[in-house]
């Protein structure tokens, strides 16, 4: 028996396993092929054409007014520091003399102790009586002097005597001067007495009150700061190139372009005003032109202004000023003007046309155009995410929103 190891494969038929694996793979491949070929087919469809639903208005020529807008601060037309022209203790205060209250023209604000000035007035009256008496005595002396001169004038002429001295003319001039001085002193005493009562120089609101009951007020001390309430001004800043649209009154003229002043706390309520002047220099910060717009009765005191908004000094307000009226133009809503110089038109085939336009005027709410459009063309109001020229539109015509706003305003 041999001890050598047997190295032959253990299986009797190894090729059968390989054949079985091959047959399984073949059957799987055939099955996959049959599934692919016999499965449902998907057909490619052409993409649907892009289109957008939009609202349009029919364009028509009309008349439109340029409205220049600006911002500005309310300032008083008249303001004054009231100074005490005489000194004294405050012994009376006016019933309306307090900060924020209104005082009428001529109304008493405060009264100073006037006893010293009463005494000075009496002394001035006595001095005038004394001077007038001295003048009367001198008039009598003049009569006597003339009679004596008539008796001696021939001899006096020979001796060269001075007729003026003989007739007491210097004494008469001195007596008359004393009367004039006494009259001036009396007028001055009356004026000082009158100045102890400090009154409002015009209809005003008290901005500052610097004196109270019992306080001593030196001469030339500011006792109050007043602002007139009959008219307020708005100092409005606008670009210099917009001035030509407005009517700025020339010297001697009262009013220019009409204006609407919107207080900062409101959006649709306004006070009416008018342009009164163009300031002679530009705003040093923004290099803008500055106009003065006047608003009468800013505190809405008069019956015809009851219920209207009250304007407050220092408030920052929006102002609309009516400029020139343009005829035979198109007025478009501001939101229909795109990319600074383009409008969207729905053409005759309901396709989008992007048309460049040069406006005559661009305001915050509207744009005025005089050429580049045709009556009857349809302007797209709706906003489009992708405004590609030729885009198919599904249009719905609506009323012009600017005309609707005008109807509501009426």
Protein backbone atom coordinates (compact mmCIF):
# COMPACT_ATOMS: atom_id res chain seq x y z
CA UNK A 1 0.00 0.00 0.00
CA UNK A 2 1.39 3.45 -0.94
CA UNK A 3 1.62 6.40 1.61
CA UNK A 4 1.33 9.20 -1.08
CA UNK A 5 -1.49 11.83 -0.57
CA UNK A 6 -4.48 11.90 -3.10
CA UNK A 7 -4.66 15.40 -4.69
CA UNK A 8 -7.72 14.89 -6.99
CA UNK A 9 -10.91 17.04 -6.52
CA UNK A 10 -13.33 15.77 -4.00
CA UNK A 11 -16.45 16.17 -6.26
CA UNK A 12 -17.06 13.77 -9.09
CA UNK A 13 -18.68 16.36 -11.51
CA UNK A 14 -17.52 20.02 -10.76
CA UNK A 15 -18.58 21.34 -14.20
CA UNK A 16 -22.25 20.84 -13.29
CA UNK A 17 -22.15 23.66 -10.67
CA UNK A 18 -20.72 26.13 -13.17
CA UNK A 19 -23.37 25.19 -15.71
CA UNK A 20 -26.16 25.71 -13.19
CA UNK A 21 -24.95 29.22 -12.28
CA UNK A 22 -24.75 30.10 -15.97
CA UNK A 23 -28.32 28.95 -16.60
CA UNK A 24 -29.68 30.99 -13.65
CA UNK A 25 -27.96 34.16 -14.89
CA UNK A 26 -29.26 33.53 -18.41
CA UNK A 27 -32.84 33.06 -17.24
CA UNK A 28 -32.64 36.32 -15.17
CA UNK A 29 -31.30 38.30 -18.11
CA UNK A 30 -34.01 36.96 -20.43
CA UNK A 31 -36.69 37.79 -17.86
CA UNK A 32 -35.44 41.37 -17.41
CA UNK A 33 -35.33 41.84 -21.18
CA UNK A 34 -38.93 40.58 -21.52
CA UNK A 35 -40.12 42.92 -18.72
CA UNK A 36 -38.46 45.94 -20.31
CA UNK A 37 -39.79 45.18 -23.76
CA UNK A 38 -43.30 44.30 -22.70
CA UNK A 39 -43.73 46.99 -19.92
CA UNK A 40 -45.79 50.20 -20.28
CA UNK A 41 -44.27 52.89 -22.50
CA UNK A 42 -44.13 56.66 -21.51
CA UNK A 43 -44.61 59.10 -24.33
CA UNK A 44 -42.84 62.50 -24.36
CA UNK A 45 -45.20 65.43 -24.76
CA UNK A 46 -44.10 68.90 -25.91
CA UNK A 47 -44.09 71.46 -23.01
CA UNK A 48 -47.23 73.56 -22.70
CA UNK A 49 -46.71 77.17 -23.84
CA UNK A 50 -46.11 79.68 -20.95
CA UNK A 51 -48.86 82.19 -20.32
CA UNK A 52 -49.87 84.69 -17.61
CA UNK A 53 -53.18 86.09 -16.40
CA UNK A 54 -52.98 89.89 -16.31
CA UNK A 55 -55.16 92.94 -15.82
CA UNK A 56 -54.91 95.72 -18.40
CA UNK A 57 -56.28 99.21 -18.95
CA UNK A 58 -57.01 100.87 -22.25
CA UNK A 59 -54.81 103.91 -22.76
CA UNK A 60 -56.41 107.27 -23.48
CA UNK A 61 -55.02 110.78 -23.71
CA UNK A 62 -56.06 113.18 -20.97
CA UNK A 63 -54.98 116.27 -19.03
CA UNK A 64 -52.74 115.69 -16.02
CA UNK A 65 -51.27 118.00 -13.41
CA UNK A 66 -47.71 117.73 -12.24
CA UNK A 67 -47.59 117.30 -8.45
CA UNK A 68 -44.25 118.14 -6.87
CA UNK A 69 -43.68 116.45 -3.52
CA UNK A 70 -41.26 117.33 -0.77
CA UNK A 71 -40.65 117.10 2.95
CA UNK A 72 -40.24 120.00 5.33
CA UNK A 73 -40.39 121.34 8.86
CA UNK A 74 -43.16 123.52 10.28
CA UNK A 75 -41.84 126.87 11.48
CA UNK A 76 -43.66 130.00 12.73
CA UNK A 77 -44.23 132.85 10.32
CA UNK A 78 -43.69 135.25 13.21
CA UNK A 79 -41.85 134.65 16.46
CA UNK A 80 -40.59 137.09 19.05
CA UNK A 81 -38.74 137.26 22.35
CA UNK A 82 -40.70 139.54 24.66
CA UNK A 83 -38.32 141.73 26.69
CA UNK A 84 -39.21 143.75 29.77
CA UNK A 85 -38.60 147.40 28.84
CA UNK A 86 -38.78 148.48 32.47
CA UNK A 87 -37.85 146.64 35.64
CA UNK A 88 -40.08 145.64 38.53
CA UNK A 89 -41.75 142.90 40.51
CA UNK A 90 -44.44 140.79 38.81
CA UNK A 91 -47.73 141.58 40.57
CA UNK A 92 -50.21 140.09 38.07
CA UNK A 93 -50.23 137.28 35.49
CA UNK A 94 -52.64 136.96 32.58
CA UNK A 95 -55.08 134.06 32.72
CA UNK A 96 -53.63 132.54 29.53
CA UNK A 97 -49.97 133.28 30.22
CA UNK A 98 -48.51 129.78 30.46
CA UNK A 99 -46.57 127.58 28.09
CA UNK A 100 -48.71 126.03 25.36
CA UNK A 101 -51.60 128.47 25.85
CA UNK A 102 -52.83 130.91 23.25
CA UNK A 103 -52.94 134.64 23.84
CA UNK A 104 -54.87 137.14 21.74
CA UNK A 105 -53.37 140.32 20.33
CA UNK A 106 -53.32 142.99 23.08
CA UNK A 107 -54.08 140.48 25.86
CA UNK A 108 -52.30 141.09 29.17
CA UNK A 109 -49.57 138.54 29.88
CA UNK A 110 -48.08 140.07 33.04
CA UNK A 111 -48.04 143.33 34.97
CA UNK A 112 -45.12 144.78 36.94
CA UNK A 113 -45.35 146.85 40.11
CA UNK A 114 -46.05 150.35 38.78
CA UNK A 115 -45.97 152.46 41.95
CA UNK A 116 -42.56 153.96 41.21
CA UNK A 117 -43.71 154.81 37.72
CA UNK A 118 -46.93 156.40 39.02
CA UNK A 119 -44.80 158.66 41.20
CA UNK A 120 -42.49 159.47 38.30
CA UNK A 121 -45.54 160.39 36.23
CA UNK A 122 -46.82 162.77 38.90
CA UNK A 123 -43.42 164.39 39.14
CA UNK A 124 -43.29 164.82 35.38
CA UNK A 125 -46.77 166.38 35.37
CA UNK A 126 -45.71 168.81 38.13
CA UNK A 127 -42.53 169.70 36.28
CA UNK A 128 -44.56 170.49 33.18
CA UNK A 129 -46.91 172.73 35.13
CA UNK A 130 -43.89 174.52 36.60
CA UNK A 131 -42.37 175.02 33.16
CA UNK A 132 -45.65 176.24 31.70
CA UNK A 133 -45.98 178.70 34.62
CA UNK A 134 -42.48 179.99 34.04
CA UNK A 135 -43.32 180.48 30.37
CA UNK A 136 -46.46 182.41 31.24
CA UNK A 137 -44.47 184.68 33.55
CA UNK A 138 -41.92 185.20 30.83
CA UNK A 139 -44.69 186.09 28.37
CA UNK A 140 -45.72 188.84 30.80
CA UNK A 141 -42.17 190.02 31.08
CA UNK A 142 -42.01 190.14 27.30
CA UNK A 143 -44.91 192.62 27.20
CA UNK A 144 -43.18 194.94 29.68
CA UNK A 145 -39.87 194.62 27.83
CA UNK A 146 -41.42 195.60 24.51
CA UNK A 147 -43.01 198.72 26.04
CA UNK A 148 -39.73 199.79 27.62
CA UNK A 149 -37.92 199.15 24.36
CA UNK A 150 -40.35 201.38 22.49
CA UNK A 151 -39.45 204.22 24.89
CA UNK A 152 -35.69 203.87 24.61
CA UNK A 153 -35.09 202.33 21.22
CA UNK A 154 -33.96 205.66 19.61
CA UNK A 155 -31.40 206.28 22.32
CA UNK A 156 -30.47 202.60 22.34
CA UNK A 157 -29.87 202.70 18.60
CA UNK A 158 -27.41 205.57 19.07
CA UNK A 159 -25.62 203.74 21.89
CA UNK A 160 -25.62 200.37 20.08
CA UNK A 161 -27.65 198.48 22.69
CA UNK A 162 -28.64 194.88 21.87
CA UNK A 163 -32.38 194.79 21.14
CA UNK A 164 -32.54 190.98 21.66
CA UNK A 165 -31.34 191.24 25.21
CA UNK A 166 -33.55 194.20 25.90
CA UNK A 167 -36.59 192.30 24.64
CA UNK A 168 -35.65 189.23 26.78
CA UNK A 169 -35.63 186.91 23.80
CA UNK A 170 -33.07 184.45 25.35
CA UNK A 171 -35.23 184.19 28.47
CA UNK A 172 -38.28 183.43 26.32
CA UNK A 173 -36.42 180.71 24.38
CA UNK A 174 -35.21 179.21 27.64
CA UNK A 175 -38.75 179.11 29.05
CA UNK A 176 -40.09 177.48 25.89
CA UNK A 177 -37.28 174.90 25.95
CA UNK A 178 -38.13 174.07 29.56
CA UNK A 179 -41.74 173.41 28.57
CA UNK A 180 -40.64 171.17 25.71
CA UNK A 181 -38.32 169.21 28.01
CA UNK A 182 -41.06 168.85 30.62
CA UNK A 183 -43.49 167.59 27.97
CA UNK A 184 -40.92 165.01 26.79
CA UNK A 185 -40.30 163.90 30.38
CA UNK A 186 -44.05 163.50 30.90
CA UNK A 187 -44.39 161.42 27.72
CA UNK A 188 -41.46 159.28 28.86
CA UNK A 189 -43.05 158.76 32.28
CA UNK A 190 -46.36 157.77 30.68
CA UNK A 191 -44.54 155.32 28.39
CA UNK A 192 -42.69 153.71 31.30
CA UNK A 193 -45.95 153.35 33.19
CA UNK A 194 -47.58 151.78 30.14
CA UNK A 195 -44.65 149.37 29.78
CA UNK A 196 -45.33 147.86 33.20
CA UNK A 197 -48.21 146.03 31.48
CA UNK A 198 -46.73 143.52 29.01
CA UNK A 199 -49.21 142.49 26.33
CA UNK A 200 -49.17 140.09 23.37
CA UNK A 201 -48.19 141.93 20.16
CA UNK A 202 -50.19 139.50 17.96
CA UNK A 203 -52.25 136.32 18.18
CA UNK A 204 -49.72 133.84 19.49
CA UNK A 205 -48.93 130.69 21.40
CA UNK A 206 -46.61 130.87 24.40
CA UNK A 207 -43.51 128.78 23.73
CA UNK A 208 -41.56 129.88 26.80
CA UNK A 209 -42.56 131.60 30.05
CA UNK A 210 -39.66 133.06 32.03
CA UNK A 211 -41.43 135.11 34.74
CA UNK A 212 -43.83 134.24 37.54
CA UNK A 213 -45.81 135.94 40.28
CA UNK A 214 -43.53 137.75 42.72
CA UNK A 215 -40.36 137.42 40.68
CA UNK A 216 -38.26 140.50 39.99
CA UNK A 217 -37.78 141.24 36.31
CA UNK A 218 -34.75 143.38 35.36
CA UNK A 219 -34.94 145.64 32.34
CA UNK A 220 -34.20 143.95 28.98
CA UNK A 221 -34.87 140.48 30.42
CA UNK A 222 -36.72 137.95 28.21
CA UNK A 223 -40.02 137.18 29.94
CA UNK A 224 -41.61 135.10 27.17
CA UNK A 225 -41.12 133.60 23.70
CA UNK A 226 -44.15 133.76 21.41
CA UNK A 227 -44.99 132.30 18.00
CA UNK A 228 -47.78 133.66 15.85
CA UNK A 229 -50.72 131.31 15.25
CA UNK A 230 -52.41 133.04 12.32
CA UNK A 231 -50.02 131.47 9.79
CA UNK A 232 -47.37 128.74 9.95
CA UNK A 233 -44.74 128.16 7.28
CA UNK A 234 -43.38 124.87 5.98
CA UNK A 235 -39.81 125.05 4.75
CA UNK A 236 -39.93 122.46 1.94
CA UNK A 237 -36.87 121.01 0.21
CA UNK A 238 -37.21 119.87 -3.42
CA UNK A 239 -34.73 119.17 -6.24
CA UNK A 240 -33.71 122.37 -8.00
CA UNK A 241 -34.68 120.98 -11.43
CA UNK A 242 -38.34 120.73 -10.33
CA UNK A 243 -38.77 124.44 -9.59
CA UNK A 244 -39.85 125.27 -13.15
CA UNK A 245 -43.05 123.23 -12.69
CA UNK A 246 -44.25 125.49 -9.84
CA UNK A 247 -45.67 129.00 -9.63
CA UNK A 248 -43.42 130.86 -7.20
CA UNK A 249 -44.89 134.32 -6.47
CA UNK A 250 -42.88 137.35 -7.52
CA UNK A 251 -42.30 140.25 -5.10
CA UNK A 252 -45.64 141.93 -4.44
CA UNK A 253 -47.67 138.78 -5.18
CA UNK A 254 -49.40 137.00 -2.31
CA UNK A 255 -49.68 133.36 -3.31
CA UNK A 256 -48.27 130.86 -5.78
CA UNK A 257 -48.99 127.18 -6.36
CA UNK A 258 -51.59 125.56 -4.13
CA UNK A 259 -50.30 122.94 -1.73
CA UNK A 260 -51.48 120.18 0.58
CA UNK A 261 -49.68 119.61 3.88
CA UNK A 262 -49.90 116.13 5.40
CA UNK A 263 -48.94 115.91 9.09
CA UNK A 264 -46.53 113.09 9.84
CA UNK A 265 -49.15 111.16 11.82
CA UNK A 266 -51.70 111.03 8.96
CA UNK A 267 -51.74 109.68 5.43
CA UNK A 268 -54.91 110.96 3.79
CA UNK A 269 -55.88 114.02 5.86
CA UNK A 270 -54.25 117.30 4.93
CA UNK A 271 -54.32 121.07 5.40
CA UNK A 272 -54.43 123.39 2.42
CA UNK A 273 -51.68 125.94 1.87
CA UNK A 274 -49.88 127.87 -0.84
CA UNK A 275 -46.33 128.68 -1.93
CA UNK A 276 -45.25 132.14 -0.75
CA UNK A 277 -41.51 132.36 -1.48
CA UNK A 278 -38.34 130.72 -2.73
CA UNK A 279 -35.43 131.03 -0.34
CA UNK A 280 -32.34 132.56 -1.86
CA UNK A 281 -29.93 129.73 -1.03
CA UNK A 282 -29.74 125.95 -1.28
CA UNK A 283 -30.01 123.61 1.65
CA UNK A 284 -26.37 123.30 2.78
CA UNK A 285 -26.74 119.57 3.49
CA UNK A 286 -28.78 118.15 0.63
CA UNK A 287 -28.11 120.94 -1.92
CA UNK A 288 -31.87 121.19 -2.46
CA UNK A 289 -33.94 124.27 -3.25
CA UNK A 290 -36.12 125.47 -0.37
CA UNK A 291 -39.65 126.87 -0.64
CA UNK A 292 -41.89 128.44 1.98
CA UNK A 293 -45.46 127.11 2.01
CA UNK A 294 -47.98 129.04 4.15
CA UNK A 295 -50.84 127.38 6.05
CA UNK A 296 -53.45 129.71 7.55
CA UNK A 297 -55.06 128.96 10.90
CA UNK A 298 -52.70 126.03 11.58
CA UNK A 299 -54.28 125.28 14.98
CA UNK A 300 -57.75 124.90 13.39
CA UNK A 301 -59.23 127.65 15.58
CA UNK A 302 -61.64 129.15 13.03
CA UNK A 303 -65.06 127.49 12.63
CA UNK A 304 -64.42 126.56 9.00
CA UNK A 305 -61.38 124.52 10.07
CA UNK A 306 -62.95 122.63 12.95
CA UNK A 307 -62.11 118.93 12.79
CA UNK A 308 -59.08 119.42 10.56
CA UNK A 309 -55.67 118.25 11.80
CA UNK A 310 -53.74 120.63 14.04
CA UNK A 311 -50.21 121.45 12.90
CA UNK A 312 -47.41 121.47 15.46
CA UNK A 313 -44.26 123.55 15.20
CA UNK A 314 -41.20 121.44 14.50
CA UNK A 315 -43.22 118.60 12.95
CA UNK A 316 -41.73 117.05 9.80
CA UNK A 317 -44.48 116.93 7.18
CA UNK A 318 -45.06 115.83 3.61
CA UNK A 319 -46.13 118.50 1.12
CA UNK A 320 -47.74 118.16 -2.31
CA UNK A 321 -47.59 121.25 -4.53
CA UNK A 322 -49.69 121.61 -7.69
CA UNK A 323 -47.53 122.33 -10.70
CA UNK A 324 -48.32 122.95 -14.36
CA UNK A 325 -51.24 121.15 -16.01
CA UNK A 326 -50.25 119.19 -19.13
CA UNK A 327 -52.76 118.43 -21.85
CA UNK A 328 -52.96 115.60 -24.42
CA UNK A 329 -50.79 113.23 -22.38
CA UNK A 330 -51.00 109.76 -20.86
CA UNK A 331 -51.05 109.42 -17.08
CA UNK A 332 -50.01 105.95 -15.90
CA UNK A 333 -49.93 104.43 -12.43
CA UNK A 334 -46.39 104.60 -11.05
CA UNK A 335 -46.23 100.83 -10.48
CA UNK A 336 -46.65 100.17 -14.23
CA UNK A 337 -43.32 101.85 -14.96
CA UNK A 338 -40.60 99.20 -14.75
CA UNK A 339 -36.82 99.30 -14.61
CA UNK A 340 -36.88 103.06 -14.71
CA UNK A 341 -37.93 103.42 -18.36
CA UNK A 342 -40.14 100.53 -19.58
CA UNK A 343 -43.84 99.72 -19.74
CA UNK A 344 -45.57 96.44 -20.56
CA UNK A 345 -48.06 96.43 -23.41
CA UNK A 346 -50.47 93.65 -24.41
CA UNK A 347 -50.30 93.66 -28.22
CA UNK A 348 -53.03 92.69 -30.66
CA UNK A 349 -52.15 89.00 -30.35
CA UNK A 350 -52.32 89.12 -26.53
CA UNK A 351 -48.55 88.80 -26.34
CA UNK A 352 -46.30 90.85 -24.07
CA UNK A 353 -44.37 93.78 -25.52
CA UNK A 354 -41.69 95.47 -23.37
CA UNK A 355 -41.50 99.06 -24.59
CA UNK A 356 -38.93 101.70 -23.54
CA UNK A 357 -40.52 105.06 -22.70
CA UNK A 358 -39.19 108.51 -21.73
CA UNK A 359 -41.52 110.18 -19.19
CA UNK A 360 -42.24 113.89 -18.99
CA UNK A 361 -42.79 113.67 -15.23
CA UNK A 362 -42.40 110.93 -12.64
CA UNK A 363 -44.20 111.32 -9.33
CA UNK A 364 -44.64 108.95 -6.44
CA UNK A 365 -48.09 107.85 -7.62
CA UNK A 366 -48.14 108.49 -11.36
CA UNK A 367 -46.04 108.92 -14.48
CA UNK A 368 -46.89 111.40 -17.25
CA UNK A 369 -45.92 110.48 -20.83
CA UNK A 370 -46.46 112.56 -23.95
CA UNK A 371 -45.15 110.24 -26.69
CA UNK A 372 -44.32 106.61 -27.35
CA UNK A 373 -47.84 105.30 -26.68
CA UNK A 374 -51.04 105.18 -28.72
CA UNK A 375 -54.64 105.61 -27.61
CA UNK A 376 -56.40 102.29 -27.31
CA UNK A 377 -53.27 100.28 -26.53
CA UNK A 378 -53.53 98.05 -23.49
CA UNK A 379 -51.21 98.69 -20.57
CA UNK A 380 -50.46 95.74 -18.28
CA UNK A 381 -51.15 96.52 -14.62
CA UNK A 382 -50.26 93.14 -13.14
CA UNK A 383 -46.80 92.28 -11.93
CA UNK A 384 -44.96 89.56 -13.86
CA UNK A 385 -42.18 87.43 -12.43
CA UNK A 386 -40.59 86.81 -15.87
CA UNK A 387 -41.66 89.57 -18.30
CA UNK A 388 -40.23 88.00 -21.43
CA UNK A 389 -41.19 89.66 -24.71
CA UNK A 390 -43.76 87.55 -26.55
CA UNK A 391 -45.12 85.97 -23.39
CA UNK A 392 -48.68 84.79 -23.99
CA UNK A 393 -51.18 86.81 -21.94
CA UNK A 394 -54.69 86.09 -20.75
CA UNK A 395 -56.03 89.62 -20.38
CA UNK A 396 -58.83 91.09 -18.29
CA UNK A 397 -59.57 94.78 -18.87
CA UNK A 398 -60.23 96.92 -15.76
CA UNK A 399 -60.75 100.60 -14.97
CA UNK A 400 -57.79 102.93 -14.65
CA UNK A 401 -57.00 103.08 -10.89
CA UNK A 402 -55.95 106.75 -11.17
CA UNK A 403 -59.39 107.71 -12.42
CA UNK A 404 -60.99 105.72 -9.61
CA UNK A 405 -58.92 107.64 -7.04
CA UNK A 406 -60.01 110.94 -8.57
CA UNK A 407 -63.67 109.92 -8.32
CA UNK A 408 -63.24 108.99 -4.66
CA UNK A 409 -61.54 112.34 -3.97
CA UNK A 410 -64.53 114.15 -5.41
